């Protein structure tokens, strides 16, 4: 049910993309084959990817802490969206 209604992506603890459902791929305009095995930073502004806030985001996830918020992400076309 979640895969039918939500955009879902799974990462390794290092931020490498393991899988994403069709909703996620459509929303960010990528086929799964183009993102699988790459790092999450491909979806964020380069300056944010270098920030302490971004490192903290991954540190918290790596410790197993739940993290929910609205996130700005970059689509394949370069368009920025909030998810």
PDB file of N, CA and C in Angstrom:
ATOM      1  N   UNK A   1       0.815  -1.191   0.000  1.00  0.00           N
ATOM      2  CA  UNK A   1       0.000   0.000   0.000  1.00  0.00           C
ATOM      3  C   UNK A   1       0.863   1.262   0.000  1.00  0.00           C
ATOM      4  N   UNK A   2       1.935   1.277   0.797  1.00  0.00           N
ATOM      5  CA  UNK A   2       2.793   2.462   0.851  1.00  0.00           C
ATOM      6  C   UNK A   2       3.395   2.743  -0.517  1.00  0.00           C
ATOM      7  N   UNK A   3       3.868   1.703  -1.203  1.00  0.00           N
ATOM      8  CA  UNK A   3       4.471   1.908  -2.526  1.00  0.00           C
ATOM      9  C   UNK A   3       3.493   2.496  -3.535  1.00  0.00           C
ATOM     10  N   UNK A   4       2.218   2.298  -3.324  1.00  0.00           N
ATOM     11  CA  UNK A   4       1.221   2.825  -4.256  1.00  0.00           C
ATOM     12  C   UNK A   4       0.876   4.281  -3.977  1.00  0.00           C
ATOM     13  N   UNK A   5       1.155   4.761  -2.763  1.00  0.00           N
ATOM     14  CA  UNK A   5       0.711   6.106  -2.392  1.00  0.00           C
ATOM     15  C   UNK A   5       1.837   7.067  -2.026  1.00  0.00           C
ATOM     16  N   UNK A   6       3.036   6.562  -1.794  1.00  0.00           N
ATOM     17  CA  UNK A   6       4.149   7.399  -1.350  1.00  0.00           C
ATOM     18  C   UNK A   6       5.354   7.237  -2.274  1.00  0.00           C
ATOM     19  N   UNK A   7       6.187   8.269  -2.311  1.00  0.00           N
ATOM     20  CA  UNK A   7       7.478   8.180  -2.993  1.00  0.00           C
ATOM     21  C   UNK A   7       8.473   7.615  -1.976  1.00  0.00           C
ATOM     22  N   UNK A   8       9.023   6.436  -2.258  1.00  0.00           N
ATOM     23  CA  UNK A   8       9.873   5.736  -1.295  1.00  0.00           C
ATOM     24  C   UNK A   8      11.228   5.433  -1.922  1.00  0.00           C
ATOM     25  N   UNK A   9      12.289   5.725  -1.167  1.00  0.00           N
ATOM     26  CA  UNK A   9      13.643   5.395  -1.605  1.00  0.00           C
ATOM     27  C   UNK A   9      14.375   4.765  -0.425  1.00  0.00           C
ATOM     28  N   UNK A  10      15.241   3.791  -0.711  1.00  0.00           N
ATOM     29  CA  UNK A  10      16.032   3.121   0.322  1.00  0.00           C
ATOM     30  C   UNK A  10      17.500   3.378   0.049  1.00  0.00           C
ATOM     31  N   UNK A  11      18.232   3.640   1.146  1.00  0.00           N
ATOM     32  CA  UNK A  11      19.661   3.940   1.059  1.00  0.00           C
ATOM     33  C   UNK A  11      20.452   3.008   1.956  1.00  0.00           C
ATOM     34  N   UNK A  12      21.719   2.812   1.610  1.00  0.00           N
ATOM     35  CA  UNK A  12      22.654   2.205   2.538  1.00  0.00           C
ATOM     36  C   UNK A  12      23.042   3.259   3.564  1.00  0.00           C
ATOM     37  N   UNK A  13      23.710   2.852   4.639  1.00  0.00           N
ATOM     38  CA  UNK A  13      24.105   3.803   5.674  1.00  0.00           C
ATOM     39  C   UNK A  13      25.078   4.860   5.161  1.00  0.00           C
ATOM     40  N   UNK A  14      25.727   4.585   4.055  1.00  0.00           N
ATOM     41  CA  UNK A  14      26.658   5.562   3.474  1.00  0.00           C
ATOM     42  C   UNK A  14      25.974   6.516   2.500  1.00  0.00           C
ATOM     43  N   UNK A  15      24.651   6.384   2.331  1.00  0.00           N
ATOM     44  CA  UNK A  15      23.909   7.272   1.436  1.00  0.00           C
ATOM     45  C   UNK A  15      23.751   6.751   0.022  1.00  0.00           C
ATOM     46  N   UNK A  16      24.263   5.557  -0.248  1.00  0.00           N
ATOM     47  CA  UNK A  16      24.134   4.963  -1.575  1.00  0.00           C
ATOM     48  C   UNK A  16      22.702   4.483  -1.790  1.00  0.00           C
ATOM     49  N   UNK A  17      22.157   4.793  -2.948  1.00  0.00           N
ATOM     50  CA  UNK A  17      20.779   4.425  -3.268  1.00  0.00           C
ATOM     51  C   UNK A  17      20.703   2.926  -3.552  1.00  0.00           C
ATOM     52  N   UNK A  18      19.865   2.241  -2.799  1.00  0.00           N
ATOM     53  CA  UNK A  18      19.662   0.803  -2.968  1.00  0.00           C
ATOM     54  C   UNK A  18      18.485   0.553  -3.903  1.00  0.00           C
ATOM     55  N   UNK A  19      17.379   1.228  -3.638  1.00  0.00           N
ATOM     56  CA  UNK A  19      16.193   1.057  -4.472  1.00  0.00           C
ATOM     57  C   UNK A  19      15.279   2.265  -4.305  1.00  0.00           C
ATOM     58  N   UNK A  20      14.355   2.401  -5.221  1.00  0.00           N
ATOM     59  CA  UNK A  20      13.334   3.454  -5.158  1.00  0.00           C
ATOM     60  C   UNK A  20      12.102   2.931  -5.869  1.00  0.00           C
ATOM     61  N   UNK A  21      10.937   3.324  -5.372  1.00  0.00           N
ATOM     62  CA  UNK A  21       9.726   2.862  -6.034  1.00  0.00           C
ATOM     63  C   UNK A  21       9.386   3.757  -7.231  1.00  0.00           C
ATOM     64  N   UNK A  22       8.397   3.341  -7.983  1.00  0.00           N
ATOM     65  CA  UNK A  22       8.006   4.056  -9.197  1.00  0.00           C
ATOM     66  C   UNK A  22       7.573   5.489  -8.891  1.00  0.00           C
ATOM     67  N   UNK A  23       6.868   5.693  -7.784  1.00  0.00           N
ATOM     68  CA  UNK A  23       6.432   7.047  -7.426  1.00  0.00           C
ATOM     69  C   UNK A  23       7.622   7.975  -7.208  1.00  0.00           C
ATOM     70  N   UNK A  24       8.655   7.482  -6.529  1.00  0.00           N
ATOM     71  CA  UNK A  24       9.842   8.304  -6.309  1.00  0.00           C
ATOM     72  C   UNK A  24      10.507   8.629  -7.642  1.00  0.00           C
ATOM     73  N   UNK A  25      10.702   7.619  -8.460  1.00  0.00           N
ATOM     74  CA  UNK A  25      11.377   7.821  -9.747  1.00  0.00           C
ATOM     75  C   UNK A  25      10.617   8.812 -10.626  1.00  0.00           C
ATOM     76  N   UNK A  26       9.313   8.702 -10.671  1.00  0.00           N
ATOM     77  CA  UNK A  26       8.515   9.641 -11.464  1.00  0.00           C
ATOM     78  C   UNK A  26       8.608  11.052 -10.899  1.00  0.00           C
ATOM     79  N   UNK A  27       8.540  11.176  -9.583  1.00  0.00           N
ATOM     80  CA  UNK A  27       8.569  12.490  -8.943  1.00  0.00           C
ATOM     81  C   UNK A  27       9.882  13.214  -9.219  1.00  0.00           C
ATOM     82  N   UNK A  28      10.994  12.486  -9.170  1.00  0.00           N
ATOM     83  CA  UNK A  28      12.296  13.110  -9.388  1.00  0.00           C
ATOM     84  C   UNK A  28      12.809  12.947 -10.820  1.00  0.00           C
ATOM     85  N   UNK A  29      11.971  12.360 -11.679  1.00  0.00           N
ATOM     86  CA  UNK A  29      12.217  12.313 -13.127  1.00  0.00           C
ATOM     87  C   UNK A  29      13.393  11.423 -13.536  1.00  0.00           C
ATOM     88  N   UNK A  30      13.664  10.384 -12.760  1.00  0.00           N
ATOM     89  CA  UNK A  30      14.766   9.469 -13.066  1.00  0.00           C
ATOM     90  C   UNK A  30      14.249   8.048 -13.224  1.00  0.00           C
ATOM     91  N   UNK A  31      14.831   7.277 -14.144  1.00  0.00           N
ATOM     92  CA  UNK A  31      14.591   5.829 -14.114  1.00  0.00           C
ATOM     93  C   UNK A  31      15.445   5.228 -12.990  1.00  0.00           C
ATOM     94  N   UNK A  32      14.980   4.157 -12.386  1.00  0.00           N
ATOM     95  CA  UNK A  32      15.711   3.530 -11.288  1.00  0.00           C
ATOM     96  C   UNK A  32      17.145   3.193 -11.686  1.00  0.00           C
ATOM     97  N   UNK A  33      17.338   2.677 -12.879  1.00  0.00           N
ATOM     98  CA  UNK A  33      18.678   2.270 -13.312  1.00  0.00           C
ATOM     99  C   UNK A  33      19.672   3.429 -13.298  1.00  0.00           C
ATOM    100  N   UNK A  34      19.189   4.641 -13.424  1.00  0.00           N
ATOM    101  CA  UNK A  34      20.072   5.810 -13.468  1.00  0.00           C
ATOM    102  C   UNK A  34      20.487   6.304 -12.080  1.00  0.00           C
ATOM    103  N   UNK A  35      19.751   5.927 -11.048  1.00  0.00           N
ATOM    104  CA  UNK A  35      20.083   6.402  -9.704  1.00  0.00           C
ATOM    105  C   UNK A  35      20.625   5.308  -8.789  1.00  0.00           C
ATOM    106  N   UNK A  36      20.289   4.069  -9.062  1.00  0.00           N
ATOM    107  CA  UNK A  36      20.704   2.955  -8.208  1.00  0.00           C
ATOM    108  C   UNK A  36      22.227   2.890  -8.136  1.00  0.00           C
ATOM    109  N   UNK A  37      22.755   2.794  -6.917  1.00  0.00           N
ATOM    110  CA  UNK A  37      24.198   2.716  -6.714  1.00  0.00           C
ATOM    111  C   UNK A  37      24.878   4.070  -6.588  1.00  0.00           C
ATOM    112  N   UNK A  38      24.154   5.148  -6.852  1.00  0.00           N
ATOM    113  CA  UNK A  38      24.717   6.495  -6.712  1.00  0.00           C
ATOM    114  C   UNK A  38      24.396   7.035  -5.326  1.00  0.00           C
ATOM    115  N   UNK A  39      25.011   8.157  -4.978  1.00  0.00           N
ATOM    116  CA  UNK A  39      24.812   8.741  -3.651  1.00  0.00           C
ATOM    117  C   UNK A  39      23.638   9.712  -3.640  1.00  0.00           C
ATOM    118  N   UNK A  40      22.982   9.775  -2.509  1.00  0.00           N
ATOM    119  CA  UNK A  40      21.843  10.667  -2.294  1.00  0.00           C
ATOM    120  C   UNK A  40      22.147  12.117  -2.667  1.00  0.00           C
ATOM    121  N   UNK A  41      23.397  12.544  -2.536  1.00  0.00           N
ATOM    122  CA  UNK A  41      23.733  13.956  -2.793  1.00  0.00           C
ATOM    123  C   UNK A  41      23.347  14.408  -4.193  1.00  0.00           C
ATOM    124  N   UNK A  42      23.094  13.484  -5.098  1.00  0.00           N
ATOM    125  CA  UNK A  42      22.687  13.871  -6.455  1.00  0.00           C
ATOM    126  C   UNK A  42      21.343  14.595  -6.460  1.00  0.00           C
ATOM    127  N   UNK A  43      20.584  14.473  -5.373  1.00  0.00           N
ATOM    128  CA  UNK A  43      19.262  15.095  -5.290  1.00  0.00           C
ATOM    129  C   UNK A  43      19.262  16.432  -4.555  1.00  0.00           C
ATOM    130  N   UNK A  44      20.423  16.879  -4.085  1.00  0.00           N
ATOM    131  CA  UNK A  44      20.464  18.120  -3.303  1.00  0.00           C
ATOM    132  C   UNK A  44      21.370  19.147  -3.969  1.00  0.00           C
ATOM    133  N   UNK A  45      21.174  20.399  -3.594  1.00  0.00           N
ATOM    134  CA  UNK A  45      22.027  21.479  -4.076  1.00  0.00           C
ATOM    135  C   UNK A  45      23.467  21.198  -3.629  1.00  0.00           C
ATOM    136  N   UNK A  46      24.456  21.395  -4.506  1.00  0.00           N
ATOM    137  CA  UNK A  46      25.850  21.098  -4.139  1.00  0.00           C
ATOM    138  C   UNK A  46      26.324  21.806  -2.866  1.00  0.00           C
ATOM    139  N   UNK A  47      25.889  23.030  -2.639  1.00  0.00           N
ATOM    140  CA  UNK A  47      26.319  23.731  -1.417  1.00  0.00           C
ATOM    141  C   UNK A  47      25.728  23.064  -0.173  1.00  0.00           C
ATOM    142  N   UNK A  48      24.511  22.567  -0.267  1.00  0.00           N
ATOM    143  CA  UNK A  48      23.902  21.858   0.861  1.00  0.00           C
ATOM    144  C   UNK A  48      24.622  20.529   1.106  1.00  0.00           C
ATOM    145  N   UNK A  49      25.024  19.852   0.037  1.00  0.00           N
ATOM    146  CA  UNK A  49      25.718  18.566   0.174  1.00  0.00           C
ATOM    147  C   UNK A  49      27.033  18.715   0.935  1.00  0.00           C
ATOM    148  N   UNK A  50      27.629  19.909   0.926  1.00  0.00           N
ATOM    149  CA  UNK A  50      28.893  20.165   1.630  1.00  0.00           C
ATOM    150  C   UNK A  50      28.681  20.709   3.040  1.00  0.00           C
ATOM    151  N   UNK A  51      27.442  20.900   3.435  1.00  0.00           N
ATOM    152  CA  UNK A  51      27.141  21.580   4.699  1.00  0.00           C
ATOM    153  C   UNK A  51      27.182  20.644   5.907  1.00  0.00           C
ATOM    154  N   UNK A  52      27.370  21.244   7.073  1.00  0.00           N
ATOM    155  CA  UNK A  52      27.317  20.501   8.333  1.00  0.00           C
ATOM    156  C   UNK A  52      25.918  19.933   8.549  1.00  0.00           C
ATOM    157  N   UNK A  53      24.913  20.661   8.114  1.00  0.00           N
ATOM    158  CA  UNK A  53      23.525  20.199   8.259  1.00  0.00           C
ATOM    159  C   UNK A  53      23.308  18.884   7.503  1.00  0.00           C
ATOM    160  N   UNK A  54      23.877  18.774   6.307  1.00  0.00           N
ATOM    161  CA  UNK A  54      23.731  17.550   5.512  1.00  0.00           C
ATOM    162  C   UNK A  54      24.490  16.395   6.168  1.00  0.00           C
ATOM    163  N   UNK A  55      25.695  16.668   6.656  1.00  0.00           N
ATOM    164  CA  UNK A  55      26.461  15.624   7.359  1.00  0.00           C
ATOM    165  C   UNK A  55      25.699  15.155   8.598  1.00  0.00           C
ATOM    166  N   UNK A  56      25.099  16.110   9.325  1.00  0.00           N
ATOM    167  CA  UNK A  56      24.320  15.763  10.510  1.00  0.00           C
ATOM    168  C   UNK A  56      23.117  14.897  10.141  1.00  0.00           C
ATOM    169  N   UNK A  57      22.469  15.217   9.032  1.00  0.00           N
ATOM    170  CA  UNK A  57      21.341  14.427   8.526  1.00  0.00           C
ATOM    171  C   UNK A  57      21.756  12.964   8.380  1.00  0.00           C
ATOM    172  N   UNK A  58      22.897  12.709   7.729  1.00  0.00           N
ATOM    173  CA  UNK A  58      23.353  11.337   7.521  1.00  0.00           C
ATOM    174  C   UNK A  58      23.875  10.702   8.802  1.00  0.00           C
ATOM    175  N   UNK A  59      24.506  11.495   9.663  1.00  0.00           N
ATOM    176  CA  UNK A  59      24.954  10.957  10.955  1.00  0.00           C
ATOM    177  C   UNK A  59      23.764  10.464  11.773  1.00  0.00           C
ATOM    178  N   UNK A  60      22.707  11.248  11.815  1.00  0.00           N
ATOM    179  CA  UNK A  60      21.506  10.868  12.566  1.00  0.00           C
ATOM    180  C   UNK A  60      20.874   9.604  11.986  1.00  0.00           C
ATOM    181  N   UNK A  61      20.758   9.551  10.669  1.00  0.00           N
ATOM    182  CA  UNK A  61      20.197   8.346  10.047  1.00  0.00           C
ATOM    183  C   UNK A  61      21.072   7.133  10.336  1.00  0.00           C
ATOM    184  N   UNK A  62      22.393   7.328  10.285  1.00  0.00           N
ATOM    185  CA  UNK A  62      23.326   6.237  10.559  1.00  0.00           C
ATOM    186  C   UNK A  62      23.219   5.692  11.971  1.00  0.00           C
ATOM    187  N   UNK A  63      22.795   6.540  12.900  1.00  0.00           N
ATOM    188  CA  UNK A  63      22.587   6.103  14.288  1.00  0.00           C
ATOM    189  C   UNK A  63      21.206   5.492  14.488  1.00  0.00           C
ATOM    190  N   UNK A  64      20.423   5.450  13.420  1.00  0.00           N
ATOM    191  CA  UNK A  64      19.088   4.863  13.504  1.00  0.00           C
ATOM    192  C   UNK A  64      18.028   5.805  14.031  1.00  0.00           C
ATOM    193  N   UNK A  65      18.344   7.097  14.093  1.00  0.00           N
ATOM    194  CA  UNK A  65      17.364   8.071  14.580  1.00  0.00           C
ATOM    195  C   UNK A  65      16.361   8.386  13.480  1.00  0.00           C
ATOM    196  N   UNK A  66      15.077   8.316  13.797  1.00  0.00           N
ATOM    197  CA  UNK A  66      14.075   8.697  12.790  1.00  0.00           C
ATOM    198  C   UNK A  66      14.190  10.189  12.492  1.00  0.00           C
ATOM    199  N   UNK A  67      13.920  10.551  11.265  1.00  0.00           N
ATOM    200  CA  UNK A  67      14.075  11.941  10.844  1.00  0.00           C
ATOM    201  C   UNK A  67      12.990  12.248   9.829  1.00  0.00           C
ATOM    202  N   UNK A  68      12.093  13.128  10.182  1.00  0.00           N
ATOM    203  CA  UNK A  68      11.041  13.526   9.253  1.00  0.00           C
ATOM    204  C   UNK A  68      11.051  15.038   9.110  1.00  0.00           C
ATOM    205  N   UNK A  69      10.779  15.489   7.918  1.00  0.00           N
ATOM    206  CA  UNK A  69      10.754  16.915   7.619  1.00  0.00           C
ATOM    207  C   UNK A  69      10.309  17.065   6.177  1.00  0.00           C
ATOM    208  N   UNK A  70      10.252  18.291   5.716  1.00  0.00           N
ATOM    209  CA  UNK A  70      10.093  18.563   4.286  1.00  0.00           C
ATOM    210  C   UNK A  70      11.495  18.825   3.759  1.00  0.00           C
ATOM    211  N   UNK A  71      11.802  18.256   2.605  1.00  0.00           N
ATOM    212  CA  UNK A  71      13.144  18.367   2.051  1.00  0.00           C
ATOM    213  C   UNK A  71      13.090  18.934   0.642  1.00  0.00           C
ATOM    214  N   UNK A  72      14.003  19.834   0.338  1.00  0.00           N
ATOM    215  CA  UNK A  72      14.110  20.330  -1.027  1.00  0.00           C
ATOM    216  C   UNK A  72      15.027  19.379  -1.788  1.00  0.00           C
ATOM    217  N   UNK A  73      14.559  18.928  -2.944  1.00  0.00           N
ATOM    218  CA  UNK A  73      15.325  17.986  -3.753  1.00  0.00           C
ATOM    219  C   UNK A  73      15.345  18.430  -5.207  1.00  0.00           C
ATOM    220  N   UNK A  74      16.437  18.055  -5.901  1.00  0.00           N
ATOM    221  CA  UNK A  74      16.643  18.427  -7.294  1.00  0.00           C
ATOM    222  C   UNK A  74      16.226  17.272  -8.203  1.00  0.00           C
ATOM    223  N   UNK A  75      15.325  17.566  -9.131  1.00  0.00           N
ATOM    224  CA  UNK A  75      14.899  16.585 -10.132  1.00  0.00           C
ATOM    225  C   UNK A  75      15.957  16.482 -11.228  1.00  0.00           C
ATOM    226  N   UNK A  76      15.833  15.488 -12.063  1.00  0.00           N
ATOM    227  CA  UNK A  76      16.766  15.303 -13.171  1.00  0.00           C
ATOM    228  C   UNK A  76      16.827  16.541 -14.063  1.00  0.00           C
ATOM    229  N   UNK A  77      15.693  17.201 -14.250  1.00  0.00           N
ATOM    230  CA  UNK A  77      15.635  18.397 -15.099  1.00  0.00           C
ATOM    231  C   UNK A  77      16.308  19.606 -14.455  1.00  0.00           C
ATOM    232  N   UNK A  78      16.674  19.494 -13.169  1.00  0.00           N
ATOM    233  CA  UNK A  78      17.248  20.616 -12.440  1.00  0.00           C
ATOM    234  C   UNK A  78      16.219  21.378 -11.622  1.00  0.00           C
ATOM    235  N   UNK A  79      14.960  21.076 -11.862  1.00  0.00           N
ATOM    236  CA  UNK A  79      13.874  21.718 -11.111  1.00  0.00           C
ATOM    237  C   UNK A  79      13.963  21.293  -9.648  1.00  0.00           C
ATOM    238  N   UNK A  80      13.778  22.248  -8.743  1.00  0.00           N
ATOM    239  CA  UNK A  80      13.797  21.958  -7.312  1.00  0.00           C
ATOM    240  C   UNK A  80      12.365  21.752  -6.836  1.00  0.00           C
ATOM    241  N   UNK A  81      12.163  20.708  -6.033  1.00  0.00           N
ATOM    242  CA  UNK A  81      10.838  20.416  -5.477  1.00  0.00           C
ATOM    243  C   UNK A  81      10.970  20.197  -3.973  1.00  0.00           C
ATOM    244  N   UNK A  82       9.858  20.276  -3.272  1.00  0.00           N
ATOM    245  CA  UNK A  82       9.799  19.959  -1.845  1.00  0.00           C
ATOM    246  C   UNK A  82       9.062  18.634  -1.677  1.00  0.00           C
ATOM    247  N   UNK A  83       9.673  17.735  -0.923  1.00  0.00           N
ATOM    248  CA  UNK A  83       9.029  16.454  -0.628  1.00  0.00           C
ATOM    249  C   UNK A  83       9.041  16.225   0.869  1.00  0.00           C
TER     250      UNK A  83
END
